[in-house]
């Protein structure tokens, strides 16, 4: 029901219906805004306006990743790599299988660092089966997507760990 109709029903007059304004969701992430989920995940990780919560950060970054935010996939991967540290030095114990999954999702979304990181995991057999051909393919994709360290490694013809 339009605003003018409500005013007429209440005994007030109006000359025409005003356009309805859609309500602003209280939680844009819950409403499906992937960028909002990414921002909330970062706030959960950093403890902005709250205590840091690594599990909530990963959950929110996962929602953002599901919505196509490749940086969120990367942040979730880094969090699981054990290399993301809070200000107090706390970090999550490495789960390289989860890291590989997140990096793979980032790579699928066209994030060169995701392809690069997943390549290194495949080259070393960390969190995934060691597969030098897959590592090489991912490194070449990272280079094609514009990741200079990946290009340095592919152009030098290095094999194995590709560095």
N, C-alpha and C. Protein backbone atom coordinates (compact mmCIF):
# COMPACT_ATOMS: atom_id res chain seq x y z
N UNK A 1 0.86 -1.16 0.00
CA UNK A 1 0.00 0.00 0.00
C UNK A 1 0.90 1.23 0.00
N UNK A 2 0.62 2.16 -0.87
CA UNK A 2 1.43 3.36 -1.01
C UNK A 2 1.18 4.31 0.14
N UNK A 3 2.14 5.20 0.37
CA UNK A 3 2.09 6.15 1.47
C UNK A 3 0.84 7.00 1.41
N UNK A 4 0.45 7.51 0.26
CA UNK A 4 -0.72 8.37 0.14
C UNK A 4 -1.99 7.62 0.54
N UNK A 5 -2.06 6.35 0.18
CA UNK A 5 -3.23 5.56 0.56
C UNK A 5 -3.35 5.44 2.07
N UNK A 6 -2.19 5.29 2.74
CA UNK A 6 -2.21 5.24 4.19
C UNK A 6 -2.67 6.57 4.78
N UNK A 7 -2.21 7.66 4.21
CA UNK A 7 -2.61 8.99 4.70
C UNK A 7 -4.10 9.21 4.51
N UNK A 8 -4.64 8.80 3.37
CA UNK A 8 -6.07 8.95 3.13
C UNK A 8 -6.88 8.11 4.12
N UNK A 9 -6.39 6.91 4.41
CA UNK A 9 -7.08 6.04 5.36
C UNK A 9 -7.08 6.63 6.75
N UNK A 10 -6.04 7.43 7.07
CA UNK A 10 -5.94 8.05 8.39
C UNK A 10 -6.67 9.38 8.45
N UNK A 11 -7.29 9.77 7.36
CA UNK A 11 -8.04 11.03 7.34
C UNK A 11 -7.24 12.22 6.87
N UNK A 12 -6.02 12.02 6.44
CA UNK A 12 -5.21 13.10 5.89
C UNK A 12 -5.35 13.07 4.38
N UNK A 13 -5.14 14.16 3.76
CA UNK A 13 -5.22 14.18 2.31
C UNK A 13 -3.85 14.20 1.68
N UNK A 14 -3.78 13.78 0.45
CA UNK A 14 -2.57 13.93 -0.34
C UNK A 14 -3.00 13.89 -1.79
N UNK A 15 -2.19 14.49 -2.64
CA UNK A 15 -2.59 14.61 -4.03
C UNK A 15 -2.14 13.46 -4.90
N UNK A 16 -1.05 12.81 -4.54
CA UNK A 16 -0.59 11.68 -5.33
C UNK A 16 0.25 10.76 -4.45
N UNK A 17 0.38 9.54 -4.88
CA UNK A 17 1.19 8.58 -4.12
C UNK A 17 2.66 8.91 -4.28
N UNK A 18 3.36 8.95 -3.18
CA UNK A 18 4.81 9.11 -3.20
C UNK A 18 5.42 7.73 -3.44
N UNK A 19 6.57 7.69 -4.11
CA UNK A 19 7.19 6.38 -4.33
C UNK A 19 7.58 5.75 -3.00
N UNK A 20 7.37 4.46 -2.88
CA UNK A 20 7.72 3.74 -1.66
C UNK A 20 9.24 3.61 -1.58
N UNK A 21 9.79 3.77 -0.39
CA UNK A 21 11.21 3.61 -0.15
C UNK A 21 11.42 2.24 0.46
N UNK A 22 12.24 1.40 -0.18
CA UNK A 22 12.44 0.08 0.39
C UNK A 22 13.14 0.19 1.74
N UNK A 23 12.82 -0.67 2.67
CA UNK A 23 13.48 -0.62 3.98
C UNK A 23 14.95 -1.01 3.85
N UNK A 24 15.78 -0.38 4.66
CA UNK A 24 17.21 -0.70 4.69
C UNK A 24 17.37 -1.88 5.64
N UNK A 25 17.99 -2.96 5.19
CA UNK A 25 18.15 -4.11 6.08
C UNK A 25 19.03 -3.76 7.28
N UNK A 26 18.69 -4.29 8.44
CA UNK A 26 19.47 -4.04 9.65
C UNK A 26 20.87 -4.63 9.53
N UNK A 27 20.99 -5.74 8.86
CA UNK A 27 22.28 -6.40 8.66
C UNK A 27 22.45 -6.69 7.18
N UNK A 28 23.19 -5.83 6.46
CA UNK A 28 23.34 -6.04 5.02
C UNK A 28 23.96 -7.39 4.67
N UNK A 29 24.83 -7.91 5.52
CA UNK A 29 25.43 -9.23 5.25
C UNK A 29 24.34 -10.30 5.27
N UNK A 30 23.49 -10.27 6.28
CA UNK A 30 22.41 -11.25 6.37
C UNK A 30 21.45 -11.11 5.19
N UNK A 31 21.40 -9.90 4.63
CA UNK A 31 20.53 -9.66 3.47
C UNK A 31 21.20 -10.07 2.15
N UNK A 32 22.45 -10.56 2.24
CA UNK A 32 23.12 -11.06 1.04
C UNK A 32 24.14 -10.13 0.41
N UNK A 33 24.52 -9.05 1.10
CA UNK A 33 25.52 -8.12 0.59
C UNK A 33 26.92 -8.68 0.88
N UNK A 34 27.54 -9.27 -0.13
CA UNK A 34 28.83 -9.93 0.05
C UNK A 34 29.92 -8.96 0.52
N UNK A 35 29.91 -7.74 0.03
CA UNK A 35 30.91 -6.76 0.48
C UNK A 35 30.73 -6.45 1.97
N UNK A 36 29.48 -6.40 2.43
CA UNK A 36 29.22 -6.17 3.85
C UNK A 36 29.74 -7.35 4.67
N UNK A 37 29.57 -8.55 4.18
CA UNK A 37 30.09 -9.74 4.87
C UNK A 37 31.61 -9.67 4.95
N UNK A 38 32.25 -9.23 3.88
CA UNK A 38 33.70 -9.10 3.87
C UNK A 38 34.14 -8.09 4.93
N UNK A 39 33.48 -6.94 4.97
CA UNK A 39 33.82 -5.90 5.95
C UNK A 39 33.59 -6.41 7.37
N UNK A 40 32.50 -7.12 7.59
CA UNK A 40 32.21 -7.65 8.93
C UNK A 40 33.22 -8.72 9.32
N UNK A 41 33.65 -9.52 8.36
CA UNK A 41 34.68 -10.52 8.64
C UNK A 41 35.99 -9.87 9.04
N UNK A 42 36.34 -8.80 8.34
CA UNK A 42 37.57 -8.08 8.67
C UNK A 42 37.46 -7.46 10.07
N UNK A 43 36.29 -6.90 10.39
CA UNK A 43 36.07 -6.33 11.72
C UNK A 43 36.16 -7.42 12.79
N UNK A 44 35.62 -8.60 12.51
CA UNK A 44 35.70 -9.71 13.47
C UNK A 44 37.14 -10.14 13.67
N UNK A 45 37.93 -10.17 12.59
CA UNK A 45 39.33 -10.55 12.70
C UNK A 45 40.13 -9.50 13.49
N UNK A 46 39.91 -8.24 13.17
CA UNK A 46 40.67 -7.16 13.80
C UNK A 46 40.16 -6.80 15.19
N UNK A 47 38.93 -7.22 15.50
CA UNK A 47 38.36 -6.85 16.79
C UNK A 47 37.85 -5.42 16.80
N UNK A 48 37.45 -4.92 15.65
CA UNK A 48 36.94 -3.55 15.54
C UNK A 48 35.54 -3.51 16.14
N UNK A 49 35.39 -2.80 17.25
CA UNK A 49 34.10 -2.67 17.91
C UNK A 49 33.67 -3.93 18.65
N UNK A 50 34.57 -4.87 18.80
CA UNK A 50 34.26 -6.14 19.46
C UNK A 50 35.56 -6.86 19.75
N UNK A 51 35.47 -7.97 20.45
CA UNK A 51 36.66 -8.80 20.65
C UNK A 51 36.94 -9.55 19.36
N UNK A 52 38.22 -9.76 19.03
CA UNK A 52 38.54 -10.54 17.83
C UNK A 52 37.93 -11.94 17.93
N UNK A 53 37.43 -12.43 16.81
CA UNK A 53 36.80 -13.75 16.76
C UNK A 53 37.17 -14.39 15.43
N UNK A 54 38.17 -15.28 15.46
CA UNK A 54 38.67 -15.88 14.24
C UNK A 54 37.63 -16.78 13.57
N UNK A 55 36.85 -17.50 14.36
CA UNK A 55 35.82 -18.36 13.77
C UNK A 55 34.76 -17.53 13.06
N UNK A 56 34.34 -16.43 13.68
CA UNK A 56 33.34 -15.57 13.05
C UNK A 56 33.92 -14.89 11.81
N UNK A 57 35.19 -14.51 11.89
CA UNK A 57 35.85 -13.91 10.72
C UNK A 57 35.82 -14.89 9.55
N UNK A 58 36.18 -16.14 9.80
CA UNK A 58 36.18 -17.12 8.71
C UNK A 58 34.76 -17.34 8.18
N UNK A 59 33.77 -17.42 9.07
CA UNK A 59 32.38 -17.61 8.64
C UNK A 59 31.92 -16.47 7.75
N UNK A 60 32.21 -15.23 8.18
CA UNK A 60 31.78 -14.06 7.40
C UNK A 60 32.54 -13.96 6.09
N UNK A 61 33.84 -14.23 6.12
CA UNK A 61 34.60 -14.24 4.88
C UNK A 61 34.10 -15.33 3.94
N UNK A 62 33.66 -16.45 4.51
CA UNK A 62 33.09 -17.52 3.69
C UNK A 62 31.83 -17.07 2.97
N UNK A 63 30.97 -16.32 3.67
CA UNK A 63 29.77 -15.78 3.05
C UNK A 63 30.13 -14.81 1.93
N UNK A 64 31.15 -13.98 2.19
CA UNK A 64 31.59 -13.04 1.16
C UNK A 64 32.19 -13.78 -0.03
N UNK A 65 32.97 -14.81 0.25
CA UNK A 65 33.55 -15.63 -0.82
C UNK A 65 32.44 -16.27 -1.64
N UNK A 66 31.41 -16.79 -0.96
CA UNK A 66 30.26 -17.36 -1.67
C UNK A 66 29.62 -16.33 -2.59
N UNK A 67 29.70 -15.05 -2.19
CA UNK A 67 29.12 -13.97 -2.98
C UNK A 67 30.07 -13.42 -4.04
N UNK A 68 31.22 -14.05 -4.22
CA UNK A 68 32.14 -13.66 -5.29
C UNK A 68 33.23 -12.69 -4.91
N UNK A 69 33.47 -12.47 -3.62
CA UNK A 69 34.54 -11.56 -3.18
C UNK A 69 35.81 -12.38 -2.99
N UNK A 70 36.67 -12.35 -3.99
CA UNK A 70 37.88 -13.17 -3.99
C UNK A 70 38.81 -12.83 -2.84
N UNK A 71 38.88 -11.57 -2.45
CA UNK A 71 39.74 -11.17 -1.32
C UNK A 71 39.31 -11.85 -0.04
N UNK A 72 38.02 -12.09 0.11
CA UNK A 72 37.52 -12.78 1.30
C UNK A 72 37.99 -14.23 1.30
N UNK A 73 37.99 -14.87 0.13
CA UNK A 73 38.49 -16.24 0.03
C UNK A 73 39.96 -16.27 0.44
N UNK A 74 40.72 -15.29 -0.04
CA UNK A 74 42.14 -15.22 0.30
C UNK A 74 42.35 -15.03 1.80
N UNK A 75 41.58 -14.12 2.40
CA UNK A 75 41.74 -13.86 3.83
C UNK A 75 41.42 -15.11 4.64
N UNK A 76 40.39 -15.85 4.25
CA UNK A 76 40.07 -17.10 4.94
C UNK A 76 41.20 -18.11 4.78
N UNK A 77 41.80 -18.15 3.60
CA UNK A 77 42.93 -19.04 3.37
C UNK A 77 44.14 -18.67 4.21
N UNK A 78 44.44 -17.39 4.25
CA UNK A 78 45.58 -16.92 5.05
C UNK A 78 45.34 -17.20 6.52
N UNK A 79 44.10 -16.98 6.97
CA UNK A 79 43.75 -17.26 8.36
C UNK A 79 44.06 -18.72 8.70
N UNK A 80 43.71 -19.63 7.81
CA UNK A 80 43.93 -21.06 8.06
C UNK A 80 45.37 -21.49 7.84
N UNK A 81 46.18 -20.64 7.20
CA UNK A 81 47.59 -20.99 6.96
C UNK A 81 48.42 -20.85 8.23
N UNK A 82 47.89 -20.15 9.22
CA UNK A 82 48.64 -19.90 10.44
C UNK A 82 49.49 -18.65 10.36
N UNK A 83 49.41 -17.92 9.24
CA UNK A 83 50.23 -16.72 9.06
C UNK A 83 49.50 -15.43 9.40
N UNK A 84 48.22 -15.51 9.73
CA UNK A 84 47.45 -14.32 10.11
C UNK A 84 47.49 -14.20 11.63
N UNK A 85 48.10 -13.13 12.11
CA UNK A 85 48.26 -12.94 13.55
C UNK A 85 47.46 -11.73 14.03
N UNK A 86 46.85 -11.90 15.19
CA UNK A 86 46.17 -10.78 15.83
C UNK A 86 47.21 -9.89 16.50
N UNK A 87 46.79 -8.73 16.93
CA UNK A 87 47.70 -7.78 17.56
C UNK A 87 48.39 -8.40 18.78
N UNK A 88 47.70 -9.28 19.49
CA UNK A 88 48.29 -9.91 20.68
C UNK A 88 49.14 -11.14 20.33
N UNK A 89 49.32 -11.39 19.04
CA UNK A 89 50.13 -12.51 18.59
C UNK A 89 49.36 -13.81 18.42
N UNK A 90 48.10 -13.83 18.83
CA UNK A 90 47.29 -15.04 18.67
C UNK A 90 47.08 -15.34 17.19
N UNK A 91 47.01 -16.61 16.88
CA UNK A 91 46.73 -17.04 15.51
C UNK A 91 46.09 -18.42 15.55
N UNK A 92 45.57 -18.82 14.44
CA UNK A 92 44.94 -20.12 14.33
C UNK A 92 46.01 -21.15 13.95
N UNK A 93 45.89 -22.34 14.54
CA UNK A 93 46.80 -23.43 14.17
C UNK A 93 46.60 -23.74 12.68
N UNK A 94 47.67 -23.93 11.94
CA UNK A 94 47.53 -24.14 10.50
C UNK A 94 46.64 -25.33 10.14
N UNK A 95 45.80 -25.12 9.16
CA UNK A 95 44.97 -26.16 8.55
C UNK A 95 45.15 -25.96 7.05
N UNK A 96 46.18 -26.60 6.50
CA UNK A 96 46.54 -26.35 5.11
C UNK A 96 45.55 -26.95 4.13
N UNK A 97 44.78 -27.93 4.55
CA UNK A 97 43.71 -28.42 3.69
C UNK A 97 42.66 -27.34 3.47
N UNK A 98 42.29 -26.65 4.56
CA UNK A 98 41.34 -25.54 4.45
C UNK A 98 41.96 -24.40 3.65
N UNK A 99 43.25 -24.13 3.89
CA UNK A 99 43.94 -23.08 3.14
C UNK A 99 43.85 -23.38 1.64
N UNK A 100 44.12 -24.61 1.26
CA UNK A 100 44.06 -24.99 -0.16
C UNK A 100 42.66 -24.78 -0.73
N UNK A 101 41.65 -25.13 0.04
CA UNK A 101 40.28 -24.95 -0.43
C UNK A 101 39.98 -23.48 -0.67
N UNK A 102 40.32 -22.63 0.30
CA UNK A 102 40.06 -21.19 0.16
C UNK A 102 40.86 -20.59 -0.99
N UNK A 103 42.15 -20.96 -1.11
CA UNK A 103 42.97 -20.44 -2.21
C UNK A 103 42.40 -20.89 -3.55
N UNK A 104 41.93 -22.14 -3.62
CA UNK A 104 41.33 -22.63 -4.85
C UNK A 104 40.10 -21.83 -5.24
N UNK A 105 39.28 -21.50 -4.26
CA UNK A 105 38.09 -20.70 -4.54
C UNK A 105 38.49 -19.30 -5.01
N UNK A 106 39.52 -18.72 -4.39
CA UNK A 106 40.00 -17.41 -4.83
C UNK A 106 40.52 -17.49 -6.26
N UNK A 107 41.27 -18.52 -6.56
CA UNK A 107 41.80 -18.72 -7.91
C UNK A 107 40.66 -18.85 -8.92
N UNK A 108 39.63 -19.62 -8.55
CA UNK A 108 38.47 -19.78 -9.43
C UNK A 108 37.79 -18.45 -9.72
N UNK A 109 37.89 -17.51 -8.77
CA UNK A 109 37.29 -16.18 -8.94
C UNK A 109 38.25 -15.21 -9.65
N UNK A 110 39.42 -15.72 -10.07
CA UNK A 110 40.36 -14.89 -10.83
C UNK A 110 41.36 -14.13 -9.98
N UNK A 111 41.55 -14.54 -8.73
CA UNK A 111 42.53 -13.89 -7.85
C UNK A 111 43.88 -14.55 -8.05
N UNK A 112 44.87 -13.82 -8.63
CA UNK A 112 46.15 -14.44 -8.93
C UNK A 112 46.89 -14.96 -7.70
N UNK A 113 46.76 -14.27 -6.56
CA UNK A 113 47.45 -14.74 -5.35
C UNK A 113 46.89 -16.08 -4.89
N UNK A 114 45.61 -16.33 -5.14
CA UNK A 114 45.03 -17.63 -4.80
C UNK A 114 45.64 -18.74 -5.63
N UNK A 115 45.80 -18.48 -6.92
CA UNK A 115 46.43 -19.47 -7.82
C UNK A 115 47.88 -19.71 -7.41
N UNK A 116 48.58 -18.63 -7.07
CA UNK A 116 49.97 -18.71 -6.66
C UNK A 116 50.11 -19.54 -5.38
N UNK A 117 49.32 -19.20 -4.38
CA UNK A 117 49.40 -19.91 -3.11
C UNK A 117 49.05 -21.38 -3.25
N UNK A 118 48.01 -21.68 -4.01
CA UNK A 118 47.61 -23.07 -4.23
C UNK A 118 48.70 -23.82 -5.00
N UNK A 119 49.37 -23.14 -5.91
CA UNK A 119 50.47 -23.75 -6.65
C UNK A 119 51.58 -24.20 -5.69
N UNK A 120 51.93 -23.33 -4.76
CA UNK A 120 52.99 -23.68 -3.80
C UNK A 120 52.57 -24.86 -2.93
N UNK A 121 51.31 -24.89 -2.53
CA UNK A 121 50.83 -26.02 -1.73
C UNK A 121 50.92 -27.33 -2.51
N UNK A 122 50.53 -27.30 -3.79
CA UNK A 122 50.63 -28.50 -4.63
C UNK A 122 52.09 -28.89 -4.85
N UNK A 123 52.96 -27.92 -5.02
CA UNK A 123 54.38 -28.23 -5.24
C UNK A 123 55.00 -28.92 -4.03
N UNK A 124 54.55 -28.54 -2.84
CA UNK A 124 55.10 -29.11 -1.60
C UNK A 124 54.27 -30.25 -1.04
N UNK A 125 53.08 -30.47 -1.59
CA UNK A 125 52.20 -31.49 -1.04
C UNK A 125 51.71 -31.12 0.35
N UNK A 126 51.44 -29.85 0.56
CA UNK A 126 50.96 -29.39 1.87
C UNK A 126 49.46 -29.11 1.79
N UNK A 127 48.69 -29.91 2.52
CA UNK A 127 47.24 -29.74 2.53
C UNK A 127 46.55 -30.35 1.32
N UNK A 128 47.32 -30.71 0.34
CA UNK A 128 46.83 -31.35 -0.89
C UNK A 128 47.89 -32.37 -1.31
N UNK A 129 47.51 -33.22 -2.24
CA UNK A 129 48.48 -34.18 -2.77
C UNK A 129 49.53 -33.45 -3.58
N UNK A 130 50.77 -33.88 -3.45
CA UNK A 130 51.84 -33.27 -4.25
C UNK A 130 51.59 -33.57 -5.71
N UNK A 131 51.56 -32.49 -6.52
CA UNK A 131 51.25 -32.63 -7.95
C UNK A 131 51.96 -31.49 -8.68
N UNK A 132 53.15 -31.80 -9.20
CA UNK A 132 53.95 -30.77 -9.85
C UNK A 132 53.32 -30.24 -11.13
N UNK A 133 52.59 -31.07 -11.84
CA UNK A 133 51.92 -30.59 -13.06
C UNK A 133 50.82 -29.58 -12.69
N UNK A 134 50.06 -29.90 -11.68
CA UNK A 134 49.00 -28.98 -11.22
C UNK A 134 49.64 -27.70 -10.69
N UNK A 135 50.75 -27.85 -9.97
CA UNK A 135 51.46 -26.68 -9.45
C UNK A 135 51.90 -25.77 -10.60
N UNK A 136 52.45 -26.37 -11.64
CA UNK A 136 52.91 -25.60 -12.80
C UNK A 136 51.74 -24.89 -13.48
N UNK A 137 50.63 -25.60 -13.67
CA UNK A 137 49.44 -25.01 -14.31
C UNK A 137 48.91 -23.83 -13.51
N UNK A 138 48.85 -23.99 -12.20
CA UNK A 138 48.37 -22.90 -11.33
C UNK A 138 49.33 -21.72 -11.34
N UNK A 139 50.64 -22.00 -11.36
CA UNK A 139 51.62 -20.92 -11.40
C UNK A 139 51.50 -20.15 -12.71
N UNK A 140 51.29 -20.85 -13.81
CA UNK A 140 51.12 -20.19 -15.10
C UNK A 140 49.83 -19.36 -15.12
N UNK A 141 48.79 -19.87 -14.49
CA UNK A 141 47.54 -19.10 -14.42
C UNK A 141 47.74 -17.84 -13.59
N UNK A 142 48.45 -17.97 -12.47
CA UNK A 142 48.73 -16.79 -11.63
C UNK A 142 49.49 -15.75 -12.43
N UNK A 143 50.45 -16.18 -13.23
CA UNK A 143 51.21 -15.27 -14.08
C UNK A 143 50.29 -14.61 -15.10
N UNK A 144 49.45 -15.41 -15.74
CA UNK A 144 48.53 -14.88 -16.76
C UNK A 144 47.57 -13.85 -16.15
N UNK A 145 47.27 -14.02 -14.86
CA UNK A 145 46.39 -13.08 -14.17
C UNK A 145 47.15 -11.86 -13.64
N UNK A 146 48.48 -11.83 -13.88
CA UNK A 146 49.24 -10.64 -13.53
C UNK A 146 49.97 -10.67 -12.20
N UNK A 147 50.34 -11.84 -11.71
CA UNK A 147 51.06 -11.95 -10.44
C UNK A 147 52.57 -12.02 -10.72
N UNK A 148 53.32 -10.91 -10.53
CA UNK A 148 54.74 -10.89 -10.91
C UNK A 148 55.59 -12.03 -10.33
N UNK A 149 55.46 -12.39 -9.04
CA UNK A 149 56.29 -13.50 -8.55
C UNK A 149 56.02 -14.81 -9.29
N UNK A 150 54.77 -15.02 -9.69
CA UNK A 150 54.46 -16.23 -10.46
C UNK A 150 55.12 -16.17 -11.83
N UNK A 151 55.12 -15.00 -12.44
CA UNK A 151 55.77 -14.85 -13.75
C UNK A 151 57.27 -15.08 -13.63
N UNK A 152 57.88 -14.56 -12.57
CA UNK A 152 59.31 -14.79 -12.36
C UNK A 152 59.62 -16.28 -12.28
N UNK A 153 58.79 -17.01 -11.58
CA UNK A 153 59.03 -18.44 -11.40
C UNK A 153 58.77 -19.23 -12.68
N UNK A 154 57.74 -18.89 -13.42
CA UNK A 154 57.45 -19.65 -14.64
C UNK A 154 58.45 -19.32 -15.73
N UNK A 155 58.89 -18.06 -15.81
CA UNK A 155 59.83 -17.66 -16.85
C UNK A 155 61.23 -18.20 -16.60
N UNK A 156 61.56 -18.48 -15.35
CA UNK A 156 62.90 -19.00 -15.05
C UNK A 156 62.98 -20.50 -15.34
N UNK A 157 61.82 -21.13 -15.57
CA UNK A 157 61.80 -22.55 -15.88
C UNK A 157 62.05 -23.43 -14.69
N UNK A 158 61.93 -22.87 -13.48
CA UNK A 158 62.18 -23.67 -12.27
C UNK A 158 61.07 -24.69 -12.09
N UNK A 159 61.44 -25.84 -11.61
CA UNK A 159 60.47 -26.90 -11.28
C UNK A 159 60.49 -27.14 -9.78
N UNK A 160 59.89 -28.21 -9.34
CA UNK A 160 59.84 -28.52 -7.93
C UNK A 160 59.00 -27.51 -7.19
N UNK A 161 59.62 -26.79 -6.28
CA UNK A 161 58.88 -25.82 -5.48
C UNK A 161 58.63 -24.56 -6.27
N UNK A 162 59.16 -24.45 -7.44
CA UNK A 162 58.90 -23.32 -8.36
C UNK A 162 59.41 -21.99 -7.83
N UNK A 163 60.50 -22.01 -7.11
CA UNK A 163 61.08 -20.73 -6.70
C UNK A 163 62.56 -20.71 -6.92
